[in-house]
C-alpha atoms as a PDB file:
ATOM      1  CA  MET A   1     -52.454  16.548 -12.388  1.00  0.00           C
ATOM      2  CA  THR A   2     -52.330  14.696  -9.094  1.00  0.00           C
ATOM      3  CA  THR A   3     -50.372  11.744  -7.911  1.00  0.00           C
ATOM      4  CA  ASN A   4     -51.145   9.025  -5.460  1.00  0.00           C
ATOM      5  CA  ASN A   5     -48.596   6.766  -3.903  1.00  0.00           C
ATOM      6  CA  ASN A   6     -49.549   3.596  -2.115  1.00  0.00           C
ATOM      7  CA  ARG A   7     -49.847   5.401   1.246  1.00  0.00           C
ATOM      8  CA  GLY A   8     -52.503   7.792  -0.006  1.00  0.00           C
ATOM      9  CA  ASP A   9     -50.288  10.884   0.243  1.00  0.00           C
ATOM     10  CA  GLN A  10     -50.545  13.401  -2.553  1.00  0.00           C
ATOM     11  CA  MET A  11     -48.210  15.756  -4.315  1.00  0.00           C
ATOM     12  CA  SER A  12     -49.794  17.898  -6.950  1.00  0.00           C
ATOM     13  CA  THR A  13     -47.468  17.580  -9.930  1.00  0.00           C
ATOM     14  CA  MET A  14     -44.669  15.501 -11.343  1.00  0.00           C
ATOM     15  CA  LEU A  15     -42.541  18.639 -11.389  1.00  0.00           C
ATOM     16  CA  GLU A  16     -43.042  19.001  -7.633  1.00  0.00           C
ATOM     17  CA  VAL A  17     -41.824  15.442  -7.056  1.00  0.00           C
ATOM     18  CA  ILE A  18     -38.838  15.946  -9.394  1.00  0.00           C
ATOM     19  CA  ASN A  19     -37.957  19.184  -7.610  1.00  0.00           C
ATOM     20  CA  LYS A  20     -38.044  17.347  -4.262  1.00  0.00           C
ATOM     21  CA  CYS A  21     -35.825  14.634  -5.756  1.00  0.00           C
ATOM     22  CA  ASN A  22     -33.358  17.256  -6.953  1.00  0.00           C
ATOM     23  CA  GLU A  23     -33.332  18.936  -3.520  1.00  0.00           C
ATOM     24  CA  ARG A  24     -32.497  15.587  -1.905  1.00  0.00           C
ATOM     25  CA  GLY A  25     -29.701  14.726  -4.364  1.00  0.00           C
ATOM     26  CA  MET A  26     -31.784  12.164  -6.246  1.00  0.00           C
ATOM     27  CA  ASN A  27     -31.223  14.153  -9.402  1.00  0.00           C
ATOM     28  CA  ILE A  28     -30.137  11.678 -12.054  1.00  0.00           C
ATOM     29  CA  PRO A  29     -32.660  11.400 -14.902  1.00  0.00           C
ATOM     30  CA  PHE A  30     -32.320   7.717 -15.828  1.00  0.00           C
ATOM     31  CA  GLU A  31     -33.330   6.477 -19.271  1.00  0.00           C
ATOM     32  CA  TYR A  32     -34.075   2.992 -20.530  1.00  0.00           C
ATOM     33  CA  GLU A  33     -32.069   1.638 -23.452  1.00  0.00           C
ATOM     34  CA  PRO A  34     -31.914  -1.975 -24.662  1.00  0.00           C
ATOM     35  CA  GLN A  35     -28.505  -2.314 -22.922  1.00  0.00           C
ATOM     36  CA  GLY A  36     -30.044  -1.309 -19.568  1.00  0.00           C
ATOM     37  CA  LEU A  37     -30.886   1.739 -17.510  1.00  0.00           C
ATOM     38  CA  THR A  38     -28.434   4.589 -18.033  1.00  0.00           C
ATOM     39  CA  SER A  39     -27.667   8.002 -16.643  1.00  0.00           C
ATOM     40  CA  GLY A  40     -26.182   8.942 -20.026  1.00  0.00           C
ATOM     41  CA  LYS A  41     -22.567   8.698 -18.922  1.00  0.00           C
ATOM     42  CA  GLY A  42     -21.725   5.358 -20.514  1.00  0.00           C
ATOM     43  CA  ASP A  43     -22.885   3.383 -17.487  1.00  0.00           C
ATOM     44  CA  TYR A  44     -25.609   0.763 -17.835  1.00  0.00           C
ATOM     45  CA  TYR A  45     -27.443  -0.907 -14.984  1.00  0.00           C
ATOM     46  CA  GLN A  46     -29.330  -4.174 -15.083  1.00  0.00           C
ATOM     47  CA  PRO A  47     -32.380  -4.917 -12.881  1.00  0.00           C
ATOM     48  CA  ALA A  48     -30.210  -6.721 -10.308  1.00  0.00           C
ATOM     49  CA  ASP A  49     -28.182  -3.500  -9.922  1.00  0.00           C
ATOM     50  CA  LEU A  50     -31.237  -1.375  -9.100  1.00  0.00           C
ATOM     51  CA  LYS A  51     -33.915  -0.762  -6.482  1.00  0.00           C
ATOM     52  CA  ILE A  52     -37.148   1.146  -6.925  1.00  0.00           C
ATOM     53  CA  ILE A  53     -37.413   3.112  -3.692  1.00  0.00           C
ATOM     54  CA  LYS A  54     -40.651   4.929  -4.497  1.00  0.00           C
ATOM     55  CA  THR A  55     -43.249   5.019  -7.239  1.00  0.00           C
ATOM     56  CA  TYR A  56     -45.606   7.878  -8.090  1.00  0.00           C
ATOM     57  CA  ARG A  57     -48.478   7.598 -10.528  1.00  0.00           C
ATOM     58  CA  PHE A  58     -49.853  10.720 -12.147  1.00  0.00           C
ATOM     59  CA  GLU A  59     -53.309  10.864 -13.678  1.00  0.00           C
ATOM     60  CA  GLY A  60     -54.583  13.863 -15.596  1.00  0.00           C
ATOM     61  CA  MET A  61     -57.913  15.100 -14.315  1.00  0.00           C
ATOM     62  CA  SER A  62     -59.391  15.659 -17.759  1.00  0.00           C
ATOM     63  CA  ASN A  63     -56.841  14.324 -20.230  1.00  0.00           C
ATOM     64  CA  PRO A  64     -55.838  10.645 -20.333  1.00  0.00           C
ATOM     65  CA  ASP A  65     -52.659  11.701 -22.166  1.00  0.00           C
ATOM     66  CA  ASP A  66     -51.406  12.894 -18.777  1.00  0.00           C
ATOM     67  CA  SER A  67     -51.069   9.348 -17.408  1.00  0.00           C
ATOM     68  CA  SER A  68     -47.473   8.815 -16.350  1.00  0.00           C
ATOM     69  CA  ILE A  69     -45.404   7.134 -13.704  1.00  0.00           C
ATOM     70  CA  LEU A  70     -42.233   8.259 -11.944  1.00  0.00           C
ATOM     71  CA  TYR A  71     -39.927   5.705 -10.370  1.00  0.00           C
ATOM     72  CA  ILE A  72     -37.342   6.868  -7.849  1.00  0.00           C
ATOM     73  CA  ILE A  73     -34.362   4.588  -8.438  1.00  0.00           C
ATOM     74  CA  GLU A  74     -31.231   3.732  -6.477  1.00  0.00           C
ATOM     75  CA  THR A  75     -28.278   1.887  -8.034  1.00  0.00           C
ATOM     76  CA  ASN A  76     -26.005  -0.607  -6.321  1.00  0.00           C
ATOM     77  CA  THR A  77     -23.305   2.104  -6.467  1.00  0.00           C
ATOM     78  CA  GLY A  78     -25.462   4.528  -4.466  1.00  0.00           C
ATOM     79  CA  LYS A  79     -26.577   6.784  -7.323  1.00  0.00           C
ATOM     80  CA  GLN A  80     -30.156   7.997  -6.956  1.00  0.00           C
ATOM     81  CA  GLY A  81     -32.454   9.483  -9.539  1.00  0.00           C
ATOM     82  CA  TYR A  82     -35.718   9.001 -11.335  1.00  0.00           C
ATOM     83  CA  LEU A  83     -37.202   7.335 -14.364  1.00  0.00           C
ATOM     84  CA  ILE A  84     -40.343   8.685 -16.046  1.00  0.00           C
ATOM     85  CA  ASP A  85     -42.692   6.733 -18.288  1.00  0.00           C
ATOM     86  CA  SER A  86     -46.244   6.746 -19.541  1.00  0.00           C
ATOM     87  CA  TYR A  87     -48.576   3.910 -18.613  1.00  0.00           C
ATOM     88  CA  GLY A  88     -51.833   2.367 -19.682  1.00  0.00           C
ATOM     89  CA  ALA A  89     -53.044   2.911 -23.218  1.00  0.00           C
ATOM     90  CA  TYR A  90     -50.286   5.444 -23.857  1.00  0.00           C
ATOM     91  CA  SER A  91     -47.362   3.220 -22.964  1.00  0.00           C
ATOM     92  CA  SER A  92     -45.137   2.684 -25.982  1.00  0.00           C
ATOM     93  CA  HIS A  93     -43.619  -0.540 -24.702  1.00  0.00           C
ATOM     94  CA  ASP A  94     -45.183  -3.380 -26.607  1.00  0.00           C
ATOM     95  CA  ASN A  95     -42.843  -6.349 -26.358  1.00  0.00           C
ATOM     96  CA  ASP A  96     -42.060  -8.777 -23.558  1.00  0.00           C
ATOM     97  CA  GLN A  97     -38.326  -8.122 -23.711  1.00  0.00           C
ATOM     98  CA  GLY A  98     -38.512  -4.326 -23.434  1.00  0.00           C
ATOM     99  CA  PHE A  99     -39.018  -1.669 -20.802  1.00  0.00           C
ATOM    100  CA  ASP A 100     -42.007  -3.180 -18.975  1.00  0.00           C
ATOM    101  CA  ASN A 101     -40.216  -6.495 -18.490  1.00  0.00           C
ATOM    102  CA  PHE A 102     -37.061  -4.666 -17.372  1.00  0.00           C
ATOM    103  CA  VAL A 103     -38.911  -2.641 -14.737  1.00  0.00           C
ATOM    104  CA  ARG A 104     -40.780  -5.714 -13.429  1.00  0.00           C
ATOM    105  CA  GLN A 105     -37.416  -7.312 -12.628  1.00  0.00           C
ATOM    106  CA  ILE A 106     -36.225  -4.436 -10.415  1.00  0.00           C
ATOM    107  CA  ALA A 107     -36.543  -5.019  -6.682  1.00  0.00           C
ATOM    108  CA  VAL A 108     -38.983  -2.694  -4.936  1.00  0.00           C
ATOM    109  CA  GLU A 109     -38.107  -1.232  -1.555  1.00  0.00           C
ATOM    110  CA  ASP A 110     -40.892   1.184  -0.752  1.00  0.00           C
ATOM    111  CA  ARG A 111     -39.250   3.612   1.638  1.00  0.00           C
ATOM    112  CA  ASP A 112     -41.293   5.864   3.841  1.00  0.00           C
ATOM    113  CA  GLU A 113     -41.842   9.171   2.089  1.00  0.00           C
ATOM    114  CA  GLN A 114     -40.743  11.013   5.234  1.00  0.00           C
ATOM    115  CA  LEU A 115     -37.310   9.526   4.698  1.00  0.00           C
ATOM    116  CA  LEU A 116     -37.262  10.723   1.099  1.00  0.00           C
ATOM    117  CA  PHE A 117     -38.778  14.156   1.468  1.00  0.00           C
ATOM    118  CA  SER A 118     -38.821  16.459   4.433  1.00  0.00           C
ATOM    119  CA  LEU A 119     -42.315  17.921   4.255  1.00  0.00           C
END
């Protein structure tokens, strides 16, 4: 599986990106719930409380089931982590009020990858 970000850089797997996130302290696995994005500790964040600081898309070379996206997220309280989802035909978000709409409302601040990961 390979990933492309909007600069054309490549990392080979989602696990590699997650490992880099963990090394840099961006180690919170966020999850979407109808109340908002959560880190599982009773805290919920709304789109206005969040920034997407990097997005990675992963496409399986031979299996379309491998299509996924990883968002690196920062909260207004300084917490950093990631959110993983499938995309395309395999996305399970089918209503306008759900996950896709939530993510579209989050501000995007595409930080230079050099700032995120020391290569």
